[in-house]
N, C-alpha and C. Protein backbone atom coordinates (compact mmCIF):
# COMPACT_ATOMS: atom_id res chain seq x y z
N MET A 1 20.63 13.69 5.02
CA MET A 1 21.77 13.59 4.53
C MET A 1 22.13 11.76 4.14
N LEU A 2 22.39 12.04 2.76
CA LEU A 2 22.75 9.99 2.33
C LEU A 2 24.09 10.04 2.37
N THR A 3 24.66 9.09 2.42
CA THR A 3 25.83 8.46 2.39
C THR A 3 26.22 7.95 1.30
N GLU A 4 27.17 8.51 0.64
CA GLU A 4 27.76 8.42 -0.75
C GLU A 4 28.01 6.84 -1.45
N ARG A 5 27.02 6.15 -0.48
CA ARG A 5 26.76 4.74 -1.57
C ARG A 5 24.69 4.89 -1.82
N GLN A 6 24.28 5.50 -0.70
CA GLN A 6 23.33 5.97 -0.73
C GLN A 6 22.98 6.95 -1.83
N GLN A 7 23.67 7.59 -2.19
CA GLN A 7 23.42 9.06 -3.22
C GLN A 7 23.21 8.14 -4.54
N ASP A 8 24.73 7.21 -4.89
CA ASP A 8 25.14 6.62 -5.51
C ASP A 8 23.61 5.63 -6.12
N THR A 9 23.11 5.03 -5.29
CA THR A 9 21.77 4.01 -5.57
C THR A 9 20.81 5.31 -5.87
N LEU A 10 20.50 6.14 -5.21
CA LEU A 10 19.71 7.06 -5.79
C LEU A 10 19.48 7.81 -7.21
N ASP A 11 20.73 7.97 -7.64
CA ASP A 11 21.33 8.28 -8.53
C ASP A 11 21.37 7.37 -10.21
N PHE A 12 21.30 6.47 -9.61
CA PHE A 12 21.47 5.15 -10.51
C PHE A 12 20.05 4.99 -11.08
N ILE A 13 19.14 4.89 -9.72
CA ILE A 13 17.43 4.78 -10.29
C ILE A 13 16.91 6.02 -11.01
N ARG A 14 17.47 7.06 -10.52
CA ARG A 14 17.13 7.76 -11.65
C ARG A 14 17.47 7.77 -12.69
N ARG A 15 18.93 7.61 -13.22
CA ARG A 15 19.05 7.19 -14.76
C ARG A 15 18.54 6.51 -15.54
N TYR A 16 18.39 4.88 -14.74
CA TYR A 16 17.19 3.98 -14.95
C TYR A 16 15.93 4.37 -15.47
N VAL A 17 15.52 5.10 -14.67
CA VAL A 17 13.95 5.15 -14.94
C VAL A 17 14.13 6.35 -16.34
N ARG A 18 15.36 7.61 -15.93
CA ARG A 18 14.60 8.17 -17.59
C ARG A 18 15.06 7.57 -18.43
N GLU A 19 16.09 6.45 -18.30
CA GLU A 19 16.57 5.73 -19.85
C GLU A 19 15.68 4.55 -20.08
N HIS A 20 14.71 4.01 -19.38
CA HIS A 20 13.76 2.95 -19.18
C HIS A 20 12.27 3.02 -19.49
N GLY A 21 12.22 3.90 -18.71
CA GLY A 21 10.69 4.27 -18.53
C GLY A 21 9.76 3.25 -17.72
N ARG A 22 10.88 2.59 -16.31
CA ARG A 22 10.25 2.23 -15.68
C ARG A 22 11.13 2.05 -14.28
N SER A 23 10.64 1.76 -13.01
CA SER A 23 11.85 1.44 -11.91
C SER A 23 12.28 0.28 -12.47
N PRO A 24 13.69 0.08 -11.57
CA PRO A 24 14.65 -0.96 -11.69
C PRO A 24 14.28 -2.44 -10.91
N LEU A 25 14.66 -3.48 -11.13
CA LEU A 25 14.88 -4.61 -10.29
C LEU A 25 15.83 -4.34 -8.90
N LEU A 26 15.43 -4.93 -8.37
CA LEU A 26 16.63 -4.95 -7.08
C LEU A 26 18.01 -5.67 -7.85
N THR A 27 18.07 -6.69 -8.63
CA THR A 27 19.30 -6.97 -9.17
C THR A 27 19.40 -6.51 -10.09
N GLU A 28 18.60 -5.71 -10.98
CA GLU A 28 19.19 -4.52 -11.73
C GLU A 28 20.06 -3.03 -10.95
N ILE A 29 19.43 -3.37 -9.77
CA ILE A 29 20.32 -1.57 -8.68
C ILE A 29 21.61 -2.46 -8.43
N ALA A 30 21.80 -3.56 -8.14
CA ALA A 30 23.45 -4.29 -7.55
C ALA A 30 24.08 -4.89 -8.60
N GLU A 31 23.45 -4.86 -9.74
CA GLU A 31 24.20 -5.22 -10.89
C GLU A 31 25.15 -4.16 -11.87
N GLY A 32 24.10 -2.68 -11.34
CA GLY A 32 24.12 -1.92 -12.04
C GLY A 32 25.13 -0.69 -11.08
N LEU A 33 25.52 -1.19 -9.38
CA LEU A 33 26.37 -0.17 -9.02
C LEU A 33 27.64 -1.61 -8.58
N GLY A 34 27.42 -2.90 -9.27
CA GLY A 34 28.52 -3.71 -8.78
C GLY A 34 28.40 -4.53 -7.28
N ILE A 35 27.26 -4.60 -6.93
CA ILE A 35 26.91 -4.89 -5.42
C ILE A 35 26.54 -6.50 -5.49
N GLN A 36 27.85 -7.44 -4.51
CA GLN A 36 27.38 -8.84 -4.73
C GLN A 36 26.15 -9.43 -3.65
N SER A 37 26.06 -8.32 -3.03
CA SER A 37 25.10 -9.15 -2.08
C SER A 37 23.60 -8.19 -1.51
N PRO A 38 22.61 -8.91 -1.98
CA PRO A 38 21.09 -8.56 -2.06
C PRO A 38 20.76 -7.85 -0.82
N GLY A 39 21.25 -8.09 0.39
CA GLY A 39 20.85 -7.39 1.63
C GLY A 39 21.19 -5.79 1.43
N THR A 40 22.67 -5.86 0.83
CA THR A 40 23.47 -4.70 0.97
C THR A 40 22.49 -3.75 -0.20
N THR A 41 21.93 -4.25 -0.94
CA THR A 41 21.09 -3.15 -1.89
C THR A 41 19.65 -3.10 -1.27
N HIS A 42 18.96 -4.31 -0.48
CA HIS A 42 17.97 -3.73 0.40
C HIS A 42 18.47 -2.70 1.12
N ARG A 43 19.48 -2.34 1.93
CA ARG A 43 19.76 -1.28 2.96
C ARG A 43 19.48 -0.27 2.52
N TYR A 44 20.77 0.45 0.96
CA TYR A 44 20.30 1.48 1.12
C TYR A 44 18.88 1.68 0.04
N ILE A 45 17.97 0.49 -0.47
CA ILE A 45 16.63 0.89 -0.65
C ILE A 45 16.07 1.56 0.56
N GLN A 46 15.82 0.59 1.14
CA GLN A 46 15.33 1.20 2.76
C GLN A 46 15.59 2.55 3.38
N ALA A 47 16.81 2.62 3.46
CA ALA A 47 17.26 4.03 3.44
C ALA A 47 16.63 5.16 2.55
N LEU A 48 16.51 5.09 1.40
CA LEU A 48 16.20 5.92 0.59
C LEU A 48 14.67 5.82 0.94
N VAL A 49 13.86 4.92 1.40
CA VAL A 49 12.44 4.77 1.32
C VAL A 49 12.36 5.63 3.21
N ASP A 50 13.28 5.55 3.88
CA ASP A 50 13.02 6.27 5.14
C ASP A 50 13.16 7.91 4.81
N ALA A 51 13.98 7.79 4.06
CA ALA A 51 14.68 9.66 4.10
C ALA A 51 13.39 9.89 2.70
N GLY A 52 12.44 9.41 2.45
CA GLY A 52 11.56 9.97 1.31
C GLY A 52 11.91 9.98 0.19
N HIS A 53 12.96 9.48 0.12
CA HIS A 53 12.96 9.68 -2.12
C HIS A 53 12.80 8.57 -2.66
N LEU A 54 12.24 7.81 -2.00
CA LEU A 54 11.49 6.27 -2.98
C LEU A 54 9.96 6.15 -1.95
N GLN A 55 9.06 5.38 -3.00
CA GLN A 55 8.40 4.87 -2.13
C GLN A 55 8.11 3.28 -2.89
N ARG A 56 7.66 2.78 -1.44
CA ARG A 56 7.52 1.06 -2.33
C ARG A 56 6.30 1.10 -2.44
N LEU A 57 5.98 -0.18 -3.37
CA LEU A 57 4.81 -0.31 -4.12
C LEU A 57 4.47 -1.99 -4.15
N VAL A 58 4.00 -2.01 -3.13
CA VAL A 58 3.65 -3.43 -1.93
C VAL A 58 2.77 -4.35 -3.37
N GLY A 59 3.73 -5.62 -3.80
CA GLY A 59 2.97 -6.10 -4.77
C GLY A 59 3.56 -6.49 -6.09
N ARG A 60 4.18 -5.38 -6.47
CA ARG A 60 4.52 -5.15 -7.42
C ARG A 60 5.63 -5.62 -7.86
N THR A 61 6.30 -6.47 -8.93
CA THR A 61 7.70 -6.78 -9.40
C THR A 61 8.75 -5.86 -9.25
N ARG A 62 8.26 -4.63 -10.04
CA ARG A 62 9.34 -3.68 -9.85
C ARG A 62 8.39 -2.58 -8.49
N GLY A 63 9.09 -2.83 -7.46
CA GLY A 63 8.21 -2.48 -6.00
C GLY A 63 8.73 -0.90 -5.82
N ILE A 64 9.04 -0.36 -6.27
CA ILE A 64 9.54 1.27 -5.89
C ILE A 64 8.88 1.87 -6.93
N LYS A 65 9.19 3.94 -6.51
CA LYS A 65 9.45 4.39 -7.39
C LYS A 65 9.61 5.74 -7.02
N LEU A 66 10.22 6.46 -7.66
CA LEU A 66 10.77 8.06 -7.39
C LEU A 66 9.76 8.70 -6.48
N ALA A 67 10.00 9.45 -5.32
CA ALA A 67 9.10 9.96 -4.95
C ALA A 67 8.75 11.09 -5.73
N GLU A 68 9.90 11.52 -6.65
CA GLU A 68 9.87 13.26 -7.38
C GLU A 68 8.84 12.61 -8.57
N SER A 69 8.65 11.26 -8.67
CA SER A 69 7.80 11.45 -10.16
C SER A 69 6.21 10.78 -9.87
N LEU A 70 6.19 11.10 -8.25
CA LEU A 70 4.73 10.84 -8.12
C LEU A 70 3.72 11.95 -8.57
N THR A 71 2.64 10.95 -8.43
CA THR A 71 1.44 12.18 -8.89
C THR A 71 1.14 13.33 -7.77
N ASP A 72 1.28 14.27 -8.49
CA ASP A 72 0.68 15.45 -7.32
C ASP A 72 -1.00 15.40 -7.66
N TYR A 73 -1.78 14.93 -6.54
CA TYR A 73 -2.64 14.38 -6.96
C TYR A 73 -3.89 16.51 -6.40
N ASP A 74 -3.14 17.08 -6.22
CA ASP A 74 -3.69 18.42 -6.62
C ASP A 74 -3.84 19.21 -7.88
N ASP A 75 -3.36 18.14 -8.21
CA ASP A 75 -3.60 18.74 -10.40
C ASP A 75 -4.43 17.61 -11.06
N VAL A 76 -4.97 16.62 -9.98
CA VAL A 76 -5.85 15.52 -10.87
C VAL A 76 -7.44 16.09 -11.32
N ALA A 77 -7.56 16.13 -12.41
CA ALA A 77 -9.03 16.41 -12.44
C ALA A 77 -9.73 15.81 -11.86
N PRO A 78 -10.83 16.01 -11.24
CA PRO A 78 -12.03 15.30 -10.20
C PRO A 78 -12.85 14.41 -10.90
N VAL A 79 -13.21 13.40 -10.15
CA VAL A 79 -14.19 11.82 -10.73
C VAL A 79 -15.21 12.47 -9.83
N VAL A 80 -16.38 12.96 -10.55
CA VAL A 80 -17.33 13.20 -9.75
C VAL A 80 -18.79 12.62 -10.00
N LEU A 81 -18.99 12.11 -9.09
CA LEU A 81 -20.38 11.13 -9.77
C LEU A 81 -22.42 11.71 -8.85
N PRO A 82 -23.12 11.96 -9.88
CA PRO A 82 -24.07 12.16 -8.85
C PRO A 82 -24.59 11.62 -7.94
N VAL A 83 -25.26 11.72 -6.69
CA VAL A 83 -25.61 11.40 -5.89
C VAL A 83 -27.43 11.18 -5.99
N MET A 84 -27.76 10.31 -6.43
CA MET A 84 -29.29 10.47 -7.11
C MET A 84 -30.16 10.28 -6.09
N GLY A 85 -29.90 9.66 -4.71
CA GLY A 85 -30.33 9.64 -3.60
C GLY A 85 -30.39 8.60 -2.83
N ARG A 86 -31.45 8.22 -1.71
CA ARG A 86 -30.99 7.06 -0.38
C ARG A 86 -31.79 6.09 -1.04
N ILE A 87 -31.14 4.75 -0.88
CA ILE A 87 -32.11 3.29 -0.68
C ILE A 87 -31.72 2.67 0.35
N ALA A 88 -32.91 1.94 0.69
CA ALA A 88 -33.20 1.30 1.58
C ALA A 88 -32.35 0.03 1.74
N ALA A 89 -31.30 -0.99 2.77
CA ALA A 89 -30.99 -1.83 2.44
C ALA A 89 -31.37 -2.65 3.27
N GLY A 90 -31.99 -2.37 4.45
CA GLY A 90 -32.80 -3.02 5.51
C GLY A 90 -34.66 -3.47 4.89
N ARG A 91 -35.47 -2.44 5.89
CA ARG A 91 -36.84 -2.63 5.53
C ARG A 91 -37.09 -1.78 4.56
N LEU A 92 -38.11 -2.07 3.45
CA LEU A 92 -38.58 -1.35 2.70
C LEU A 92 -38.97 0.63 2.69
N ILE A 93 -38.37 0.94 2.23
CA ILE A 93 -38.60 2.54 2.45
C ILE A 93 -38.61 3.39 1.10
N GLU A 94 -38.96 4.43 0.75
CA GLU A 94 -39.36 5.16 -0.31
C GLU A 94 -37.51 6.08 -0.45
N ALA A 95 -36.66 5.29 -1.99
CA ALA A 95 -35.98 6.41 -2.09
C ALA A 95 -36.19 7.60 -2.01
N VAL A 96 -35.11 8.18 -1.35
CA VAL A 96 -35.59 9.64 -0.99
C VAL A 96 -34.25 10.42 -2.27
N ALA A 97 -34.54 11.51 -2.55
CA ALA A 97 -34.34 12.22 -3.55
C ALA A 97 -32.95 12.73 -3.81
N ASP A 98 -31.98 12.82 -4.21
CA ASP A 98 -30.86 14.04 -3.38
C ASP A 98 -30.36 14.81 -4.72
N GLU A 99 -29.61 15.81 -4.31
CA GLU A 99 -29.00 16.60 -5.21
C GLU A 99 -27.70 16.90 -5.14
N SER A 100 -26.73 16.17 -4.38
CA SER A 100 -25.43 16.12 -4.27
C SER A 100 -24.88 15.55 -5.03
N GLU A 101 -23.03 15.60 -5.11
CA GLU A 101 -22.48 14.73 -5.49
C GLU A 101 -21.24 14.48 -4.89
N ILE A 102 -20.84 12.87 -5.45
CA ILE A 102 -19.37 12.96 -4.70
C ILE A 102 -18.09 12.82 -5.30
N ASP A 103 -17.39 13.70 -4.94
CA ASP A 103 -16.10 13.57 -5.55
C ASP A 103 -15.15 12.56 -5.24
N LEU A 104 -14.66 11.62 -6.29
CA LEU A 104 -13.96 10.52 -6.14
C LEU A 104 -12.82 9.92 -5.70
N SER A 105 -12.55 11.56 -6.18
CA SER A 105 -10.91 11.62 -6.58
C SER A 105 -10.82 11.76 -4.95
N GLN A 106 -11.44 12.87 -4.41
CA GLN A 106 -11.44 13.78 -3.54
C GLN A 106 -11.50 12.77 -2.48
N MET A 107 -12.30 11.60 -2.31
CA MET A 107 -12.37 10.63 -1.64
C MET A 107 -11.47 9.83 -1.20
N PHE A 108 -10.63 9.32 -2.38
CA PHE A 108 -9.93 8.13 -2.42
C PHE A 108 -8.44 8.51 -2.85
N SER A 109 -8.53 9.69 -3.30
CA SER A 109 -6.64 10.00 -3.72
C SER A 109 -5.91 10.75 -2.72
N GLY A 110 -4.52 11.02 -2.70
CA GLY A 110 -4.27 11.55 -2.02
C GLY A 110 -2.32 11.43 -1.91
N SER A 111 -1.79 12.26 -1.77
CA SER A 111 -0.32 11.83 -1.73
C SER A 111 -0.03 10.64 -0.59
N GLY A 112 0.92 10.15 -0.99
CA GLY A 112 1.12 8.72 -0.73
C GLY A 112 -0.18 7.37 -0.85
N ARG A 113 -0.58 7.37 -1.55
CA ARG A 113 -1.73 6.14 -1.35
C ARG A 113 -1.52 5.43 -2.47
N PHE A 114 -1.75 4.46 -2.66
CA PHE A 114 -1.57 3.50 -3.70
C PHE A 114 -2.69 2.66 -3.74
N VAL A 115 -3.05 1.42 -4.53
CA VAL A 115 -4.17 0.88 -4.90
C VAL A 115 -3.49 -0.41 -4.89
N LEU A 116 -4.40 -1.80 -3.97
CA LEU A 116 -3.53 -2.96 -4.11
C LEU A 116 -4.81 -3.86 -4.75
N LYS A 117 -5.22 -4.98 -5.70
CA LYS A 117 -5.78 -5.84 -6.07
C LYS A 117 -6.00 -7.38 -4.55
N VAL A 118 -7.29 -7.44 -3.74
CA VAL A 118 -6.82 -8.23 -3.13
C VAL A 118 -7.28 -9.51 -3.50
N ASN A 119 -6.20 -10.62 -3.06
CA ASN A 119 -6.03 -12.12 -3.66
C ASN A 119 -6.50 -13.20 -2.27
N GLY A 120 -7.55 -13.54 -2.07
CA GLY A 120 -7.41 -14.39 -1.52
C GLY A 120 -8.97 -13.90 -0.25
N ASP A 121 -9.63 -14.92 0.39
CA ASP A 121 -10.89 -14.75 1.44
C ASP A 121 -10.43 -14.32 2.95
N SER A 122 -9.10 -14.03 3.29
CA SER A 122 -8.63 -13.85 4.70
C SER A 122 -9.34 -13.11 5.54
N MET A 123 -10.01 -11.48 4.56
CA MET A 123 -10.58 -10.93 4.98
C MET A 123 -12.41 -10.57 4.76
N ILE A 124 -12.71 -11.66 5.07
CA ILE A 124 -14.33 -11.68 4.27
C ILE A 124 -14.90 -11.00 5.37
N ASP A 125 -14.76 -11.27 6.32
CA ASP A 125 -15.58 -11.38 7.61
C ASP A 125 -15.64 -9.70 7.62
N LYS A 126 -14.65 -8.69 7.44
CA LYS A 126 -14.10 -7.27 6.78
C LYS A 126 -14.73 -6.97 5.77
N ALA A 127 -15.41 -8.20 5.16
CA ALA A 127 -16.26 -7.12 4.06
C ALA A 127 -14.98 -7.00 2.62
N ILE A 128 -14.06 -7.34 2.89
CA ILE A 128 -13.17 -7.23 1.88
C ILE A 128 -12.82 -9.03 1.38
N MET A 129 -13.23 -8.89 -0.27
CA MET A 129 -12.91 -9.91 -0.85
C MET A 129 -12.49 -9.78 -1.85
N SER A 130 -11.92 -11.11 -1.88
CA SER A 130 -10.96 -11.49 -3.24
C SER A 130 -11.47 -10.62 -4.25
N GLY A 131 -10.94 -9.84 -5.22
CA GLY A 131 -11.12 -9.51 -6.72
C GLY A 131 -11.43 -8.17 -5.98
N ASP A 132 -11.37 -7.41 -4.78
CA ASP A 132 -11.63 -6.54 -4.51
C ASP A 132 -10.39 -5.21 -4.53
N TYR A 133 -10.57 -4.10 -4.72
CA TYR A 133 -9.34 -3.22 -4.50
C TYR A 133 -8.85 -2.25 -3.51
N VAL A 134 -8.27 -2.07 -2.54
CA VAL A 134 -7.91 -1.54 -0.90
C VAL A 134 -7.38 -0.18 -1.69
N VAL A 135 -7.89 0.50 -0.36
CA VAL A 135 -6.70 2.18 -1.16
C VAL A 135 -5.98 1.85 -0.11
N VAL A 136 -4.23 2.04 -0.10
CA VAL A 136 -3.51 2.10 1.15
C VAL A 136 -2.71 3.19 1.51
N GLN A 137 -2.83 3.95 2.69
CA GLN A 137 -2.29 5.11 2.52
C GLN A 137 -0.74 4.84 3.07
N SER A 138 0.30 4.99 2.33
CA SER A 138 1.73 4.51 2.42
C SER A 138 2.14 5.13 3.77
N GLN A 139 2.31 4.31 4.85
CA GLN A 139 3.19 5.02 6.06
C GLN A 139 3.58 3.51 6.97
N ARG A 140 4.59 4.06 7.78
CA ARG A 140 5.57 3.10 8.67
C ARG A 140 4.27 2.43 9.76
N HIS A 141 3.94 3.23 9.98
CA HIS A 141 3.10 3.14 11.71
C HIS A 141 1.79 2.89 11.55
N ALA A 142 1.24 1.92 12.17
CA ALA A 142 0.03 1.58 12.68
C ALA A 142 -0.61 1.90 13.74
N LYS A 143 -2.38 1.88 13.93
CA LYS A 143 -2.45 1.91 15.52
C LYS A 143 -3.08 0.65 15.82
N HIS A 144 -3.37 0.66 16.99
CA HIS A 144 -3.87 -1.02 17.13
C HIS A 144 -5.27 -1.13 16.93
N GLY A 145 -5.78 -2.39 16.16
CA GLY A 145 -7.07 -2.59 14.79
C GLY A 145 -7.01 -1.67 13.77
N ASP A 146 -6.03 -1.42 13.56
CA ASP A 146 -5.47 -0.88 11.92
C ASP A 146 -5.82 -1.90 11.09
N ILE A 147 -6.45 -1.84 9.86
CA ILE A 147 -6.23 -2.70 8.65
C ILE A 147 -4.88 -2.52 7.78
N VAL A 148 -3.85 -3.71 8.01
CA VAL A 148 -2.68 -2.94 7.34
C VAL A 148 -2.36 -3.76 6.18
N VAL A 149 -1.13 -3.22 5.44
CA VAL A 149 -0.57 -4.43 4.80
C VAL A 149 1.16 -4.27 5.28
N ALA A 150 1.42 -5.42 5.27
CA ALA A 150 2.62 -5.74 6.53
C ALA A 150 3.38 -6.65 5.65
N LEU A 151 5.00 -6.50 6.01
CA LEU A 151 5.35 -7.22 5.17
C LEU A 151 6.14 -8.14 6.02
N VAL A 152 6.37 -8.94 6.10
CA VAL A 152 6.98 -9.84 6.98
C VAL A 152 8.18 -10.55 6.74
N ASP A 153 8.99 -10.28 7.61
CA ASP A 153 10.80 -10.61 7.05
C ASP A 153 11.33 -10.28 5.91
N GLY A 154 10.52 -9.34 5.65
CA GLY A 154 10.69 -8.69 4.49
C GLY A 154 10.45 -8.72 2.89
N TYR A 155 9.91 -10.11 3.04
CA TYR A 155 9.62 -10.13 1.92
C TYR A 155 8.16 -10.55 1.48
N ASP A 156 7.31 -11.21 2.62
CA ASP A 156 6.02 -11.61 2.51
C ASP A 156 5.06 -10.68 2.79
N ALA A 157 4.22 -10.28 1.74
CA ALA A 157 3.09 -9.24 2.17
C ALA A 157 2.02 -9.72 2.41
N THR A 158 0.82 -9.08 3.32
CA THR A 158 -0.42 -9.83 3.81
C THR A 158 -1.16 -8.70 4.30
N LEU A 159 -2.63 -8.49 4.28
CA LEU A 159 -3.62 -7.77 4.57
C LEU A 159 -4.59 -8.10 5.80
N LYS A 160 -3.86 -7.67 6.97
CA LYS A 160 -4.55 -8.36 7.95
C LYS A 160 -4.95 -7.23 9.10
N THR A 161 -5.56 -6.92 10.09
CA THR A 161 -5.98 -6.17 11.42
C THR A 161 -4.80 -6.23 11.96
N MET A 162 -3.94 -5.49 12.28
CA MET A 162 -2.79 -5.40 13.35
C MET A 162 -3.20 -5.17 14.72
N LEU A 163 -3.05 -6.46 15.45
CA LEU A 163 -3.32 -6.12 16.77
C LEU A 163 -1.57 -5.92 18.03
N LEU A 164 -1.65 -5.12 18.77
CA LEU A 164 0.12 -4.94 19.57
C LEU A 164 -0.34 -5.45 20.75
N ASN A 165 0.60 -6.16 20.56
CA ASN A 165 -0.23 -7.23 22.36
C ASN A 165 0.94 -6.25 23.47
N ASP A 166 0.51 -6.83 24.84
CA ASP A 166 1.23 -6.14 26.00
C ASP A 166 2.48 -6.74 25.96
N ASP A 167 2.96 -7.72 24.90
CA ASP A 167 4.52 -8.63 25.47
C ASP A 167 5.43 -7.51 24.35
N GLY A 168 4.84 -6.36 23.71
CA GLY A 168 5.54 -6.47 22.35
C GLY A 168 5.57 -7.18 21.06
N THR A 169 4.60 -7.92 21.15
CA THR A 169 4.66 -9.10 19.76
C THR A 169 3.64 -7.96 19.07
N ILE A 170 3.42 -8.62 17.71
CA ILE A 170 2.57 -8.18 16.77
C ILE A 170 1.59 -9.33 16.05
N THR A 171 -0.03 -9.22 16.25
CA THR A 171 -0.67 -10.38 16.03
C THR A 171 -1.64 -9.40 14.67
N LEU A 172 -1.15 -10.39 13.80
CA LEU A 172 -1.90 -10.26 11.95
C LEU A 172 -2.89 -11.11 12.25
N MET A 173 -4.39 -10.35 12.65
CA MET A 173 -5.47 -11.11 12.75
C MET A 173 -6.41 -10.95 11.96
N PRO A 174 -6.37 -12.72 10.86
CA PRO A 174 -7.30 -12.46 9.91
C PRO A 174 -9.27 -12.53 9.97
N ALA A 175 -9.56 -12.71 9.06
CA ALA A 175 -11.05 -12.28 9.09
C ALA A 175 -11.75 -13.07 8.88
N ASN A 176 -11.45 -14.38 8.79
CA ASN A 176 -12.21 -15.29 8.20
C ASN A 176 -11.62 -16.47 9.40
N VAL A 177 -12.68 -17.50 10.17
CA VAL A 177 -12.43 -18.58 11.00
C VAL A 177 -11.80 -19.36 10.37
N ASN A 178 -11.67 -20.00 9.06
CA ASN A 178 -10.55 -20.61 8.38
C ASN A 178 -9.03 -20.55 8.28
N TYR A 179 -8.52 -19.49 8.96
CA TYR A 179 -7.58 -18.86 8.87
C TYR A 179 -6.81 -18.30 10.75
N GLU A 180 -5.60 -19.00 10.57
CA GLU A 180 -5.44 -18.96 12.21
C GLU A 180 -4.45 -17.55 12.35
N PRO A 181 -4.82 -16.45 13.51
CA PRO A 181 -4.18 -15.42 13.61
C PRO A 181 -2.59 -16.08 13.73
N VAL A 182 -1.61 -14.68 13.56
CA VAL A 182 -0.25 -15.11 13.56
C VAL A 182 0.20 -14.07 14.20
N THR A 183 0.87 -14.61 15.18
CA THR A 183 1.64 -13.40 16.53
C THR A 183 3.59 -13.68 15.83
N LEU A 184 3.94 -12.31 15.52
CA LEU A 184 5.32 -12.48 15.44
C LEU A 184 5.84 -11.04 16.09
N PRO A 185 7.10 -11.39 16.49
CA PRO A 185 8.21 -10.53 17.42
C PRO A 185 8.15 -9.03 16.17
N ALA A 186 7.74 -8.08 16.95
CA ALA A 186 7.27 -6.76 16.29
C ALA A 186 8.55 -6.58 15.24
N GLN A 187 9.69 -6.92 15.30
CA GLN A 187 10.73 -6.42 14.23
C GLN A 187 10.88 -7.11 13.31
N ARG A 188 10.34 -7.99 13.79
CA ARG A 188 9.47 -9.47 12.20
C ARG A 188 8.78 -8.74 10.96
N VAL A 189 7.86 -7.99 11.86
CA VAL A 189 6.75 -7.05 10.69
C VAL A 189 7.28 -5.44 10.37
N SER A 190 6.77 -5.12 9.17
CA SER A 190 7.46 -4.27 8.99
C SER A 190 6.11 -3.48 8.10
N ILE A 191 5.18 -2.05 8.32
CA ILE A 191 4.35 -2.24 8.46
C ILE A 191 4.33 -1.05 6.68
N GLN A 192 3.27 -1.42 5.46
CA GLN A 192 3.84 -0.79 4.52
C GLN A 192 2.68 0.33 4.19
N GLY A 193 1.47 0.07 5.35
CA GLY A 193 0.28 0.95 5.26
C GLY A 193 -0.67 0.76 5.60
N VAL A 194 -1.71 1.29 5.71
CA VAL A 194 -3.03 1.62 6.23
C VAL A 194 -4.29 1.55 5.46
N VAL A 195 -5.21 1.02 5.75
CA VAL A 195 -6.28 0.83 4.71
C VAL A 195 -7.09 1.81 4.64
N VAL A 196 -7.14 3.00 4.03
CA VAL A 196 -8.24 3.64 3.86
C VAL A 196 -9.72 3.65 2.95
N GLY A 197 -9.44 2.75 2.63
CA GLY A 197 -10.48 2.40 1.63
C GLY A 197 -10.88 1.17 0.67
N GLN A 198 -11.95 1.28 -0.15
CA GLN A 198 -12.17 0.03 -0.74
C GLN A 198 -13.06 0.09 -1.97
N LEU A 199 -12.95 -0.41 -2.59
CA LEU A 199 -13.22 -0.16 -4.19
C LEU A 199 -14.18 -1.56 -4.69
N ARG A 200 -14.66 -1.86 -4.90
CA ARG A 200 -15.26 -3.07 -5.51
C ARG A 200 -16.05 -2.73 -6.80
N THR A 201 -16.30 -3.71 -8.45
CA THR A 201 -16.80 -3.20 -9.15
C THR A 201 -17.44 -4.89 -9.48
N TYR A 202 -18.56 -4.46 -10.56
CA TYR A 202 -19.30 -5.61 -10.67
C TYR A 202 -19.67 -6.04 -11.64
N LEU A 203 -18.72 -5.28 -13.02
CA LEU A 203 -18.40 -5.73 -14.32
C LEU A 203 -17.44 -6.32 -14.80
N GLU A 204 -17.70 -7.18 -15.70
CA GLU A 204 -16.07 -7.91 -16.28
C GLU A 204 -16.07 -7.50 -17.07
């Protein structure tokens, strides 16, 4: 059950999307509802995310989306590429012919998934390069060792391996010796999703 103010916030977002074809900014929501405090607006948004009415789109300026407008991936036409064979990446062997296919939509799509473009080299030892795209499953919890999209103090988003420490803190571990791990109290870290796939193109 939503509070009256939370319902007002959801109704405003729905109207804004219908009228403008895009999600409102946090400041536009606050102005539309006559709210003075950005923190209050953020709490209403978070409550709607927790209730499943909104989804956060990390790294976007207009970083929320109505749940009812999310793509139903069951209706998406499959993107299928043929698997032409196998090729050695170690010693030289004969390429083996194959007749199977890979459905890319089945591999990478799914309810609650989104894509982020990586900017930076802090995860290169996990083979995640700057310019790659990571496929993220939107969820609020993750396991020790998962590569996560984490929000620190509600503002700073980062892609790191999450380590759960015995003292209740969380370490956000880079995969590059030039970067230091960061250990924080758990309440300062909000998990936005877990990396489930990766895309890279070599075309300009």
